[in-house]
């Protein structure tokens, strides 16, 4: 994560905490105005805390406000329920219980919270896909493809094939993660719309609130290598843990001996074992994938029990 994105996220969390505090203050004012007895309990608890802290600072070992606080908490909760409020109405307000909307969690040394990392992936993907980009199933237009019969399948035109392909990709996106397939593999020559469809899948899943991460194979390898040789310099956890990983242009990244294949296999294998899906677009055929990445990798990626494999054919739209 670059420093600019980190600062933007920390500012976002700061503003969220300010919003949380305003909600807390509004609730207290509402309750205290209508029920002075609850305000008295609240102030009594606060006075007890201050008294206990003062005693501790003065070396009074007997000063332990914990028991009294528990009693006050119970009385406040009961009073709130008697007044028709939820028992936790005056509790601290936050969206994430782990970091309490600070972005940092953990005992002792604080680290980036899981919610912080998910939000970072969302922002990175928005920048990658473009917040207002055209890649959406609603904008998919099969008419841009040739109506001529395919050389490989004369009974089918490229236009009809791409209409069917788009429907299959949309069904995958609409049903994930509960659908019959976890992986999606789009393969075919350049200029057939694989990246466009992959981004459509990513956008649809984001709209459904799914935790997805889109990355090019080149960027994926770059991040994995950097984190391996210089631990902590890149955040690669999302590649292993996000709900759905979408890898674009597999096969366009450098092939380093004993590095590329092992790194990619580890990501795919960990995700498969965790029941998480992986989507891939590639110019390589299944046979070429096997030759480049090994049988071990390809058998997991294209496992018929888990993968929806789709071959795109026809003329390059960019010619």
C-alpha atoms as a PDB file:
ATOM      1  CA  UNK A   1       0.000   0.000   0.000  1.00  0.00           C
ATOM      2  CA  UNK A   2       1.474   3.343  -0.986  1.00  0.00           C
ATOM      3  CA  UNK A   3       1.761   6.174   1.535  1.00  0.00           C
ATOM      4  CA  UNK A   4      -0.837   8.333  -0.235  1.00  0.00           C
ATOM      5  CA  UNK A   5      -3.485   5.619   0.002  1.00  0.00           C
ATOM      6  CA  UNK A   6      -2.555   4.959   3.636  1.00  0.00           C
ATOM      7  CA  UNK A   7      -3.009   8.620   4.542  1.00  0.00           C
ATOM      8  CA  UNK A   8      -6.330   8.783   2.717  1.00  0.00           C
ATOM      9  CA  UNK A   9      -7.563   5.750   4.620  1.00  0.00           C
ATOM     10  CA  UNK A  10      -6.429   7.072   7.986  1.00  0.00           C
ATOM     11  CA  UNK A  11      -8.274  10.322   7.269  1.00  0.00           C
ATOM     12  CA  UNK A  12     -11.368   8.335   6.328  1.00  0.00           C
ATOM     13  CA  UNK A  13     -11.193   6.465   9.631  1.00  0.00           C
ATOM     14  CA  UNK A  14     -10.622   9.708  11.551  1.00  0.00           C
ATOM     15  CA  UNK A  15     -13.760  11.208  10.023  1.00  0.00           C
ATOM     16  CA  UNK A  16     -15.685   8.018  10.839  1.00  0.00           C
ATOM     17  CA  UNK A  17     -14.619   8.249  14.493  1.00  0.00           C
ATOM     18  CA  UNK A  18     -15.788  11.856  14.598  1.00  0.00           C
ATOM     19  CA  UNK A  19     -19.128  10.715  13.216  1.00  0.00           C
ATOM     20  CA  UNK A  20     -19.302   7.923  15.818  1.00  0.00           C
ATOM     21  CA  UNK A  21     -18.610  10.402  18.629  1.00  0.00           C
ATOM     22  CA  UNK A  22     -21.324  12.755  17.387  1.00  0.00           C
ATOM     23  CA  UNK A  23     -23.812   9.864  17.461  1.00  0.00           C
ATOM     24  CA  UNK A  24     -22.725   8.973  20.999  1.00  0.00           C
ATOM     25  CA  UNK A  25     -23.120  12.583  22.159  1.00  0.00           C
ATOM     26  CA  UNK A  26     -26.539  12.908  20.547  1.00  0.00           C
ATOM     27  CA  UNK A  27     -27.749   9.733  22.235  1.00  0.00           C
ATOM     28  CA  UNK A  28     -26.503  10.841  25.646  1.00  0.00           C
ATOM     29  CA  UNK A  29     -28.160  14.225  25.288  1.00  0.00           C
ATOM     30  CA  UNK A  30     -31.425  12.589  24.215  1.00  0.00           C
ATOM     31  CA  UNK A  31     -31.457  10.163  27.155  1.00  0.00           C
ATOM     32  CA  UNK A  32     -30.218  12.591  29.799  1.00  0.00           C
ATOM     33  CA  UNK A  33     -32.791  15.269  28.868  1.00  0.00           C
ATOM     34  CA  UNK A  34     -35.657  12.793  29.121  1.00  0.00           C
ATOM     35  CA  UNK A  35     -34.354  10.741  32.066  1.00  0.00           C
ATOM     36  CA  UNK A  36     -32.267  12.684  34.612  1.00  0.00           C
ATOM     37  CA  UNK A  37     -31.941   9.559  36.752  1.00  0.00           C
ATOM     38  CA  UNK A  38     -29.871   7.904  34.000  1.00  0.00           C
ATOM     39  CA  UNK A  39     -27.676  10.994  33.777  1.00  0.00           C
ATOM     40  CA  UNK A  40     -27.094  10.779  37.520  1.00  0.00           C
ATOM     41  CA  UNK A  41     -26.034   7.140  37.190  1.00  0.00           C
ATOM     42  CA  UNK A  42     -23.719   8.045  34.307  1.00  0.00           C
ATOM     43  CA  UNK A  43     -22.103  10.869  36.277  1.00  0.00           C
ATOM     44  CA  UNK A  44     -21.820   8.650  39.337  1.00  0.00           C
ATOM     45  CA  UNK A  45     -19.915   6.062  37.362  1.00  0.00           C
ATOM     46  CA  UNK A  46     -17.624   8.754  35.966  1.00  0.00           C
ATOM     47  CA  UNK A  47     -16.905  10.067  39.469  1.00  0.00           C
ATOM     48  CA  UNK A  48     -16.100   6.538  40.624  1.00  0.00           C
ATOM     49  CA  UNK A  49     -13.611   6.104  37.791  1.00  0.00           C
ATOM     50  CA  UNK A  50     -11.879   9.377  38.624  1.00  0.00           C
ATOM     51  CA  UNK A  51     -11.730   8.485  42.318  1.00  0.00           C
ATOM     52  CA  UNK A  52     -10.226   5.083  41.536  1.00  0.00           C
ATOM     53  CA  UNK A  53      -7.600   6.557  39.213  1.00  0.00           C
ATOM     54  CA  UNK A  54      -6.689   9.169  41.817  1.00  0.00           C
ATOM     55  CA  UNK A  55      -6.239   6.459  44.436  1.00  0.00           C
ATOM     56  CA  UNK A  56      -4.029   4.384  42.139  1.00  0.00           C
ATOM     57  CA  UNK A  57      -1.817   7.407  41.399  1.00  0.00           C
ATOM     58  CA  UNK A  58      -1.457   8.039  45.128  1.00  0.00           C
ATOM     59  CA  UNK A  59      -0.378   4.442  45.717  1.00  0.00           C
ATOM     60  CA  UNK A  60      -3.612   3.244  47.300  1.00  0.00           C
ATOM     61  CA  UNK A  61      -3.653  -0.453  46.365  1.00  0.00           C
ATOM     62  CA  UNK A  62      -7.194  -0.785  47.659  1.00  0.00           C
ATOM     63  CA  UNK A  63      -8.459   1.652  45.064  1.00  0.00           C
ATOM     64  CA  UNK A  64     -10.088  -0.628  42.505  1.00  0.00           C
ATOM     65  CA  UNK A  65     -13.124   0.881  40.784  1.00  0.00           C
ATOM     66  CA  UNK A  66     -13.837  -2.208  38.699  1.00  0.00           C
ATOM     67  CA  UNK A  67     -16.489  -3.742  40.973  1.00  0.00           C
ATOM     68  CA  UNK A  68     -18.283  -0.446  41.404  1.00  0.00           C
ATOM     69  CA  UNK A  69     -18.166   0.172  37.648  1.00  0.00           C
ATOM     70  CA  UNK A  70     -19.755  -3.187  36.943  1.00  0.00           C
ATOM     71  CA  UNK A  71     -22.569  -2.332  39.343  1.00  0.00           C
ATOM     72  CA  UNK A  72     -23.092   1.074  37.725  1.00  0.00           C
ATOM     73  CA  UNK A  73     -23.037  -0.490  34.246  1.00  0.00           C
ATOM     74  CA  UNK A  74     -25.719  -2.985  35.243  1.00  0.00           C
ATOM     75  CA  UNK A  75     -27.886  -0.234  36.745  1.00  0.00           C
ATOM     76  CA  UNK A  76     -27.494   1.958  33.646  1.00  0.00           C
ATOM     77  CA  UNK A  77     -28.417  -0.887  31.309  1.00  0.00           C
ATOM     78  CA  UNK A  78     -31.468  -1.737  33.400  1.00  0.00           C
ATOM     79  CA  UNK A  79     -32.543   1.911  33.545  1.00  0.00           C
ATOM     80  CA  UNK A  80     -32.232   2.206  29.757  1.00  0.00           C
ATOM     81  CA  UNK A  81     -34.394  -0.871  29.236  1.00  0.00           C
ATOM     82  CA  UNK A  82     -36.978   0.440  31.711  1.00  0.00           C
ATOM     83  CA  UNK A  83     -37.075   3.686  29.702  1.00  0.00           C
ATOM     84  CA  UNK A  84     -37.670   1.800  26.452  1.00  0.00           C
ATOM     85  CA  UNK A  85     -34.121   2.001  25.035  1.00  0.00           C
ATOM     86  CA  UNK A  86     -31.809  -0.862  24.054  1.00  0.00           C
ATOM     87  CA  UNK A  87     -29.594  -1.814  26.988  1.00  0.00           C
ATOM     88  CA  UNK A  88     -26.458  -0.833  25.006  1.00  0.00           C
ATOM     89  CA  UNK A  89     -27.869   2.473  23.702  1.00  0.00           C
ATOM     90  CA  UNK A  90     -25.161   4.502  25.470  1.00  0.00           C
ATOM     91  CA  UNK A  91     -22.308   2.129  24.645  1.00  0.00           C
ATOM     92  CA  UNK A  92     -19.500   3.327  22.348  1.00  0.00           C
ATOM     93  CA  UNK A  93     -20.552   3.456  18.685  1.00  0.00           C
ATOM     94  CA  UNK A  94     -18.380   1.880  15.993  1.00  0.00           C
ATOM     95  CA  UNK A  95     -18.689  -0.258  12.878  1.00  0.00           C
ATOM     96  CA  UNK A  96     -15.744  -2.554  13.552  1.00  0.00           C
ATOM     97  CA  UNK A  97     -15.468  -4.190  16.999  1.00  0.00           C
ATOM     98  CA  UNK A  98     -11.796  -5.065  16.451  1.00  0.00           C
ATOM     99  CA  UNK A  99     -10.371  -1.588  15.840  1.00  0.00           C
ATOM    100  CA  UNK A 100     -13.358   0.515  16.978  1.00  0.00           C
ATOM    101  CA  UNK A 101     -13.119   2.478  13.745  1.00  0.00           C
ATOM    102  CA  UNK A 102      -9.513   3.533  14.234  1.00  0.00           C
ATOM    103  CA  UNK A 103      -8.117   1.281  11.504  1.00  0.00           C
ATOM    104  CA  UNK A 104      -5.607  -0.252  13.921  1.00  0.00           C
ATOM    105  CA  UNK A 105      -6.138  -3.312  16.109  1.00  0.00           C
ATOM    106  CA  UNK A 106      -4.268  -5.698  18.396  1.00  0.00           C
ATOM    107  CA  UNK A 107      -2.822  -5.823  21.880  1.00  0.00           C
ATOM    108  CA  UNK A 108       0.328  -3.835  22.536  1.00  0.00           C
ATOM    109  CA  UNK A 109       1.713  -2.949  19.117  1.00  0.00           C
ATOM    110  CA  UNK A 110      -1.187  -1.983  16.863  1.00  0.00           C
ATOM    111  CA  UNK A 111      -1.394  -3.292  13.316  1.00  0.00           C
ATOM    112  CA  UNK A 112      -3.684  -2.574  10.411  1.00  0.00           C
ATOM    113  CA  UNK A 113      -7.131  -4.019  11.106  1.00  0.00           C
ATOM    114  CA  UNK A 114      -8.711  -6.532   8.740  1.00  0.00           C
ATOM    115  CA  UNK A 115     -11.407  -3.964   7.918  1.00  0.00           C
ATOM    116  CA  UNK A 116      -8.675  -1.432   7.065  1.00  0.00           C
ATOM    117  CA  UNK A 117      -7.050  -3.884   4.645  1.00  0.00           C
ATOM    118  CA  UNK A 118     -10.406  -4.710   3.019  1.00  0.00           C
ATOM    119  CA  UNK A 119     -11.112  -1.006   2.539  1.00  0.00           C
ATOM    120  CA  UNK A 120      -7.654  -0.509   1.030  1.00  0.00           C
ATOM    121  CA  UNK A 121      -8.350  -3.281  -1.481  1.00  0.00           C
ATOM    122  CA  UNK A 122     -11.682  -1.665  -2.371  1.00  0.00           C
ATOM    123  CA  UNK A 123     -10.037   1.684  -3.069  1.00  0.00           C
ATOM    124  CA  UNK A 124      -7.207   0.091  -5.033  1.00  0.00           C
ATOM    125  CA  UNK A 125      -9.688  -1.799  -7.164  1.00  0.00           C
ATOM    126  CA  UNK A 126     -11.811   1.293  -7.768  1.00  0.00           C
ATOM    127  CA  UNK A 127      -8.717   3.047  -9.042  1.00  0.00           C
ATOM    128  CA  UNK A 128      -7.813   0.045 -11.209  1.00  0.00           C
ATOM    129  CA  UNK A 129     -11.280  -0.416 -12.687  1.00  0.00           C
ATOM    130  CA  UNK A 130     -12.271   3.232 -12.718  1.00  0.00           C
ATOM    131  CA  UNK A 131     -15.178   4.430 -10.587  1.00  0.00           C
ATOM    132  CA  UNK A 132     -17.235   5.316 -13.675  1.00  0.00           C
ATOM    133  CA  UNK A 133     -15.730   2.882 -16.169  1.00  0.00           C
ATOM    134  CA  UNK A 134     -17.873   1.215 -18.829  1.00  0.00           C
ATOM    135  CA  UNK A 135     -17.110  -2.356 -17.775  1.00  0.00           C
ATOM    136  CA  UNK A 136     -20.495  -3.580 -16.579  1.00  0.00           C
ATOM    137  CA  UNK A 137     -22.809  -6.320 -17.780  1.00  0.00           C
ATOM    138  CA  UNK A 138     -25.478  -3.700 -18.405  1.00  0.00           C
ATOM    139  CA  UNK A 139     -23.179  -2.114 -20.988  1.00  0.00           C
ATOM    140  CA  UNK A 140     -22.125  -5.342 -22.665  1.00  0.00           C
ATOM    141  CA  UNK A 141     -22.925  -5.213 -26.386  1.00  0.00           C
ATOM    142  CA  UNK A 142     -22.439  -8.469 -28.347  1.00  0.00           C
ATOM    143  CA  UNK A 143     -23.245  -6.638 -31.577  1.00  0.00           C
ATOM    144  CA  UNK A 144     -19.646  -5.357 -31.727  1.00  0.00           C
ATOM    145  CA  UNK A 145     -18.575  -8.901 -32.575  1.00  0.00           C
ATOM    146  CA  UNK A 146     -18.673 -10.431 -36.026  1.00  0.00           C
ATOM    147  CA  UNK A 147     -21.893 -12.148 -37.158  1.00  0.00           C
ATOM    148  CA  UNK A 148     -19.826 -14.374 -39.457  1.00  0.00           C
ATOM    149  CA  UNK A 149     -19.547 -18.104 -38.632  1.00  0.00           C
ATOM    150  CA  UNK A 150     -16.566 -19.088 -36.549  1.00  0.00           C
ATOM    151  CA  UNK A 151     -13.851 -21.047 -38.300  1.00  0.00           C
ATOM    152  CA  UNK A 152     -13.641 -23.415 -35.353  1.00  0.00           C
ATOM    153  CA  UNK A 153     -17.441 -23.888 -35.138  1.00  0.00           C
ATOM    154  CA  UNK A 154     -19.201 -22.885 -38.361  1.00  0.00           C
ATOM    155  CA  UNK A 155     -22.610 -23.387 -36.765  1.00  0.00           C
ATOM    156  CA  UNK A 156     -21.887 -20.561 -34.295  1.00  0.00           C
ATOM    157  CA  UNK A 157     -21.074 -16.900 -34.950  1.00  0.00           C
ATOM    158  CA  UNK A 158     -18.680 -14.946 -32.782  1.00  0.00           C
ATOM    159  CA  UNK A 159     -21.548 -12.637 -31.854  1.00  0.00           C
ATOM    160  CA  UNK A 160     -23.712 -15.459 -30.557  1.00  0.00           C
ATOM    161  CA  UNK A 161     -20.793 -17.068 -28.783  1.00  0.00           C
ATOM    162  CA  UNK A 162     -19.970 -13.856 -26.925  1.00  0.00           C
ATOM    163  CA  UNK A 163     -23.605 -13.408 -25.961  1.00  0.00           C
ATOM    164  CA  UNK A 164     -23.533 -16.859 -24.366  1.00  0.00           C
ATOM    165  CA  UNK A 165     -20.146 -16.185 -22.741  1.00  0.00           C
ATOM    166  CA  UNK A 166     -21.403 -12.947 -21.192  1.00  0.00           C
ATOM    167  CA  UNK A 167     -24.461 -14.738 -19.796  1.00  0.00           C
ATOM    168  CA  UNK A 168     -22.284 -17.433 -18.243  1.00  0.00           C
ATOM    169  CA  UNK A 169     -19.992 -14.837 -16.674  1.00  0.00           C
ATOM    170  CA  UNK A 170     -22.964 -12.892 -15.341  1.00  0.00           C
ATOM    171  CA  UNK A 171     -24.476 -16.056 -13.851  1.00  0.00           C
ATOM    172  CA  UNK A 172     -21.155 -16.840 -12.207  1.00  0.00           C
ATOM    173  CA  UNK A 173     -20.954 -13.346 -10.700  1.00  0.00           C
ATOM    174  CA  UNK A 174     -24.567 -13.414  -9.515  1.00  0.00           C
ATOM    175  CA  UNK A 175     -24.252 -16.798  -7.812  1.00  0.00           C
ATOM    176  CA  UNK A 176     -20.770 -16.570  -6.280  1.00  0.00           C
ATOM    177  CA  UNK A 177     -19.853 -17.820  -3.674  1.00  0.00           C
ATOM    178  CA  UNK A 178     -22.880 -20.105  -3.437  1.00  0.00           C
ATOM    179  CA  UNK A 179     -22.892 -21.229  -7.071  1.00  0.00           C
ATOM    180  CA  UNK A 180     -21.633 -24.572  -8.358  1.00  0.00           C
ATOM    181  CA  UNK A 181     -18.247 -23.188  -9.462  1.00  0.00           C
ATOM    182  CA  UNK A 182     -15.563 -21.335  -7.518  1.00  0.00           C
ATOM    183  CA  UNK A 183     -13.126 -20.601 -10.358  1.00  0.00           C
ATOM    184  CA  UNK A 184     -13.647 -18.879 -13.695  1.00  0.00           C
ATOM    185  CA  UNK A 185     -11.077 -19.192 -16.496  1.00  0.00           C
ATOM    186  CA  UNK A 186     -11.425 -17.136 -19.683  1.00  0.00           C
ATOM    187  CA  UNK A 187      -8.920 -18.107 -22.351  1.00  0.00           C
ATOM    188  CA  UNK A 188      -8.455 -17.152 -25.976  1.00  0.00           C
ATOM    189  CA  UNK A 189      -6.462 -14.950 -28.314  1.00  0.00           C
ATOM    190  CA  UNK A 190      -5.917 -11.237 -27.748  1.00  0.00           C
ATOM    191  CA  UNK A 191      -8.632  -8.714 -28.478  1.00  0.00           C
ATOM    192  CA  UNK A 192     -11.633 -10.924 -27.690  1.00  0.00           C
ATOM    193  CA  UNK A 193     -12.832  -9.052 -24.593  1.00  0.00           C
ATOM    194  CA  UNK A 194     -11.470 -11.235 -21.783  1.00  0.00           C
ATOM    195  CA  UNK A 195     -10.330  -8.316 -19.627  1.00  0.00           C
ATOM    196  CA  UNK A 196     -13.623  -6.501 -20.212  1.00  0.00           C
ATOM    197  CA  UNK A 197     -15.596  -9.504 -18.998  1.00  0.00           C
ATOM    198  CA  UNK A 198     -13.308 -10.042 -16.016  1.00  0.00           C
ATOM    199  CA  UNK A 199     -13.884  -6.453 -14.950  1.00  0.00           C
ATOM    200  CA  UNK A 200     -17.636  -6.918 -15.417  1.00  0.00           C
ATOM    201  CA  UNK A 201     -17.471  -9.857 -13.012  1.00  0.00           C
ATOM    202  CA  UNK A 202     -15.467  -7.806 -10.523  1.00  0.00           C
ATOM    203  CA  UNK A 203     -17.880  -4.884 -10.688  1.00  0.00           C
ATOM    204  CA  UNK A 204     -20.978  -7.045 -10.293  1.00  0.00           C
ATOM    205  CA  UNK A 205     -19.502  -8.756  -7.229  1.00  0.00           C
ATOM    206  CA  UNK A 206     -18.523  -5.427  -5.705  1.00  0.00           C
ATOM    207  CA  UNK A 207     -22.074  -4.213  -6.245  1.00  0.00           C
ATOM    208  CA  UNK A 208     -23.254  -7.301  -4.368  1.00  0.00           C
ATOM    209  CA  UNK A 209     -21.000  -6.398  -1.453  1.00  0.00           C
ATOM    210  CA  UNK A 210     -18.488  -9.193  -2.020  1.00  0.00           C
ATOM    211  CA  UNK A 211     -14.836  -8.849  -1.026  1.00  0.00           C
ATOM    212  CA  UNK A 212     -13.058  -9.047  -4.379  1.00  0.00           C
ATOM    213  CA  UNK A 213      -9.605  -8.097  -5.604  1.00  0.00           C
ATOM    214  CA  UNK A 214      -8.640  -7.481  -9.233  1.00  0.00           C
ATOM    215  CA  UNK A 215      -4.957  -7.569 -10.200  1.00  0.00           C
ATOM    216  CA  UNK A 216      -2.874  -8.188 -13.305  1.00  0.00           C
ATOM    217  CA  UNK A 217      -0.621 -11.242 -13.258  1.00  0.00           C
ATOM    218  CA  UNK A 218       2.377  -8.934 -13.665  1.00  0.00           C
ATOM    219  CA  UNK A 219       1.423  -6.895 -10.577  1.00  0.00           C
ATOM    220  CA  UNK A 220       0.637 -10.052  -8.606  1.00  0.00           C
ATOM    221  CA  UNK A 221       4.085 -11.498  -9.277  1.00  0.00           C
ATOM    222  CA  UNK A 222       5.765  -8.168  -8.534  1.00  0.00           C
ATOM    223  CA  UNK A 223       4.041  -7.906  -5.150  1.00  0.00           C
ATOM    224  CA  UNK A 224       4.703 -11.535  -4.191  1.00  0.00           C
ATOM    225  CA  UNK A 225       8.399 -11.271  -5.089  1.00  0.00           C
ATOM    226  CA  UNK A 226       8.825  -7.981  -3.243  1.00  0.00           C
ATOM    227  CA  UNK A 227       7.164  -9.353  -0.112  1.00  0.00           C
ATOM    228  CA  UNK A 228       9.263 -12.539  -0.266  1.00  0.00           C
ATOM    229  CA  UNK A 229      12.620 -10.827  -0.625  1.00  0.00           C
ATOM    230  CA  UNK A 230      11.735  -7.771   1.503  1.00  0.00           C
ATOM    231  CA  UNK A 231       9.047  -8.873   4.004  1.00  0.00           C
ATOM    232  CA  UNK A 232       6.550  -6.225   4.955  1.00  0.00           C
ATOM    233  CA  UNK A 233       7.132  -3.992   1.924  1.00  0.00           C
ATOM    234  CA  UNK A 234       3.958  -5.166   0.165  1.00  0.00           C
ATOM    235  CA  UNK A 235       0.567  -6.183   1.552  1.00  0.00           C
ATOM    236  CA  UNK A 236      -0.082  -9.545  -0.099  1.00  0.00           C
ATOM    237  CA  UNK A 237      -2.556 -10.965   2.411  1.00  0.00           C
ATOM    238  CA  UNK A 238      -5.498 -10.011   0.222  1.00  0.00           C
ATOM    239  CA  UNK A 239      -4.295 -12.279  -2.561  1.00  0.00           C
ATOM    240  CA  UNK A 240      -4.676 -15.247  -0.226  1.00  0.00           C
ATOM    241  CA  UNK A 241      -7.721 -14.158   1.802  1.00  0.00           C
ATOM    242  CA  UNK A 242     -10.055 -11.987  -0.293  1.00  0.00           C
ATOM    243  CA  UNK A 243     -13.423 -13.481  -1.196  1.00  0.00           C
ATOM    244  CA  UNK A 244     -12.625 -13.690  -4.915  1.00  0.00           C
ATOM    245  CA  UNK A 245      -9.303 -13.002  -6.619  1.00  0.00           C
ATOM    246  CA  UNK A 246      -9.357 -11.947 -10.282  1.00  0.00           C
ATOM    247  CA  UNK A 247      -6.042 -12.293 -12.140  1.00  0.00           C
ATOM    248  CA  UNK A 248      -5.903 -10.605 -15.531  1.00  0.00           C
ATOM    249  CA  UNK A 249      -3.461 -11.481 -18.345  1.00  0.00           C
ATOM    250  CA  UNK A 250      -2.005 -14.629 -16.815  1.00  0.00           C
ATOM    251  CA  UNK A 251       0.978 -15.558 -18.949  1.00  0.00           C
ATOM    252  CA  UNK A 252       2.138 -11.985 -19.588  1.00  0.00           C
ATOM    253  CA  UNK A 253       4.269 -11.860 -16.438  1.00  0.00           C
ATOM    254  CA  UNK A 254       7.984 -12.815 -16.422  1.00  0.00           C
ATOM    255  CA  UNK A 255       8.694 -16.506 -15.903  1.00  0.00           C
ATOM    256  CA  UNK A 256      11.444 -16.712 -13.283  1.00  0.00           C
ATOM    257  CA  UNK A 257      12.837 -20.182 -12.618  1.00  0.00           C
ATOM    258  CA  UNK A 258      11.599 -21.645  -9.322  1.00  0.00           C
ATOM    259  CA  UNK A 259       9.784 -18.394  -8.526  1.00  0.00           C
ATOM    260  CA  UNK A 260       6.825 -17.516 -10.742  1.00  0.00           C
ATOM    261  CA  UNK A 261       5.219 -20.940 -10.832  1.00  0.00           C
ATOM    262  CA  UNK A 262       5.776 -21.605  -7.120  1.00  0.00           C
ATOM    263  CA  UNK A 263       4.409 -18.222  -6.069  1.00  0.00           C
ATOM    264  CA  UNK A 264       1.305 -18.563  -8.231  1.00  0.00           C
ATOM    265  CA  UNK A 265       0.747 -22.147  -7.145  1.00  0.00           C
ATOM    266  CA  UNK A 266       0.930 -21.175  -3.479  1.00  0.00           C
ATOM    267  CA  UNK A 267      -1.711 -18.482  -3.946  1.00  0.00           C
ATOM    268  CA  UNK A 268      -4.032 -20.780  -5.872  1.00  0.00           C
ATOM    269  CA  UNK A 269      -3.498 -23.723  -3.539  1.00  0.00           C
ATOM    270  CA  UNK A 270      -4.122 -21.717  -0.352  1.00  0.00           C
ATOM    271  CA  UNK A 271      -7.262 -20.224  -1.834  1.00  0.00           C
ATOM    272  CA  UNK A 272      -8.531 -23.620  -2.975  1.00  0.00           C
ATOM    273  CA  UNK A 273      -7.940 -25.152   0.452  1.00  0.00           C
ATOM    274  CA  UNK A 274      -9.799 -22.224   2.033  1.00  0.00           C
ATOM    275  CA  UNK A 275     -12.765 -22.671  -0.316  1.00  0.00           C
ATOM    276  CA  UNK A 276     -12.110 -19.335  -2.043  1.00  0.00           C
ATOM    277  CA  UNK A 277     -12.477 -18.736  -5.763  1.00  0.00           C
ATOM    278  CA  UNK A 278     -10.041 -17.453  -8.370  1.00  0.00           C
ATOM    279  CA  UNK A 279     -10.868 -15.935 -11.768  1.00  0.00           C
ATOM    280  CA  UNK A 280      -8.290 -15.794 -14.538  1.00  0.00           C
ATOM    281  CA  UNK A 281      -8.055 -14.344 -18.020  1.00  0.00           C
ATOM    282  CA  UNK A 282      -5.259 -15.592 -20.265  1.00  0.00           C
ATOM    283  CA  UNK A 283      -4.171 -15.746 -23.877  1.00  0.00           C
ATOM    284  CA  UNK A 284      -2.897 -19.269 -23.252  1.00  0.00           C
ATOM    285  CA  UNK A 285      -4.799 -22.448 -24.040  1.00  0.00           C
ATOM    286  CA  UNK A 286      -5.154 -25.129 -21.343  1.00  0.00           C
ATOM    287  CA  UNK A 287      -2.314 -27.048 -22.993  1.00  0.00           C
ATOM    288  CA  UNK A 288      -0.096 -23.952 -22.980  1.00  0.00           C
ATOM    289  CA  UNK A 289      -1.030 -23.230 -19.361  1.00  0.00           C
ATOM    290  CA  UNK A 290       0.062 -26.715 -18.390  1.00  0.00           C
ATOM    291  CA  UNK A 291       3.365 -26.356 -20.245  1.00  0.00           C
ATOM    292  CA  UNK A 292       4.118 -22.989 -18.633  1.00  0.00           C
ATOM    293  CA  UNK A 293       2.865 -23.513 -15.077  1.00  0.00           C
ATOM    294  CA  UNK A 294       2.996 -27.313 -14.589  1.00  0.00           C
ATOM    295  CA  UNK A 295       0.345 -29.977 -14.253  1.00  0.00           C
ATOM    296  CA  UNK A 296       0.117 -29.308 -10.517  1.00  0.00           C
ATOM    297  CA  UNK A 297      -0.987 -25.700 -11.012  1.00  0.00           C
ATOM    298  CA  UNK A 298      -3.242 -26.291 -14.002  1.00  0.00           C
ATOM    299  CA  UNK A 299      -5.062 -29.238 -12.446  1.00  0.00           C
ATOM    300  CA  UNK A 300      -6.148 -27.025  -9.556  1.00  0.00           C
ATOM    301  CA  UNK A 301      -7.067 -24.054 -11.703  1.00  0.00           C
ATOM    302  CA  UNK A 302      -9.073 -26.088 -14.216  1.00  0.00           C
ATOM    303  CA  UNK A 303     -10.506 -28.708 -11.876  1.00  0.00           C
ATOM    304  CA  UNK A 304     -13.881 -29.441 -13.492  1.00  0.00           C
ATOM    305  CA  UNK A 305     -15.508 -29.772 -10.092  1.00  0.00           C
ATOM    306  CA  UNK A 306     -14.577 -26.205  -9.226  1.00  0.00           C
ATOM    307  CA  UNK A 307     -13.887 -24.323 -12.446  1.00  0.00           C
ATOM    308  CA  UNK A 308     -15.990 -22.803 -15.192  1.00  0.00           C
ATOM    309  CA  UNK A 309     -13.671 -22.842 -18.205  1.00  0.00           C
ATOM    310  CA  UNK A 310     -14.705 -20.685 -21.168  1.00  0.00           C
ATOM    311  CA  UNK A 311     -12.912 -20.487 -24.514  1.00  0.00           C
ATOM    312  CA  UNK A 312     -13.284 -17.238 -26.482  1.00  0.00           C
ATOM    313  CA  UNK A 313     -12.889 -17.412 -30.250  1.00  0.00           C
ATOM    314  CA  UNK A 314     -13.159 -15.171 -33.254  1.00  0.00           C
ATOM    315  CA  UNK A 315     -11.655 -11.992 -34.659  1.00  0.00           C
ATOM    316  CA  UNK A 316      -9.576  -9.487 -32.702  1.00  0.00           C
ATOM    317  CA  UNK A 317     -11.797  -6.447 -32.064  1.00  0.00           C
ATOM    318  CA  UNK A 318      -8.800  -4.143 -32.140  1.00  0.00           C
ATOM    319  CA  UNK A 319      -7.876  -4.987 -35.765  1.00  0.00           C
END
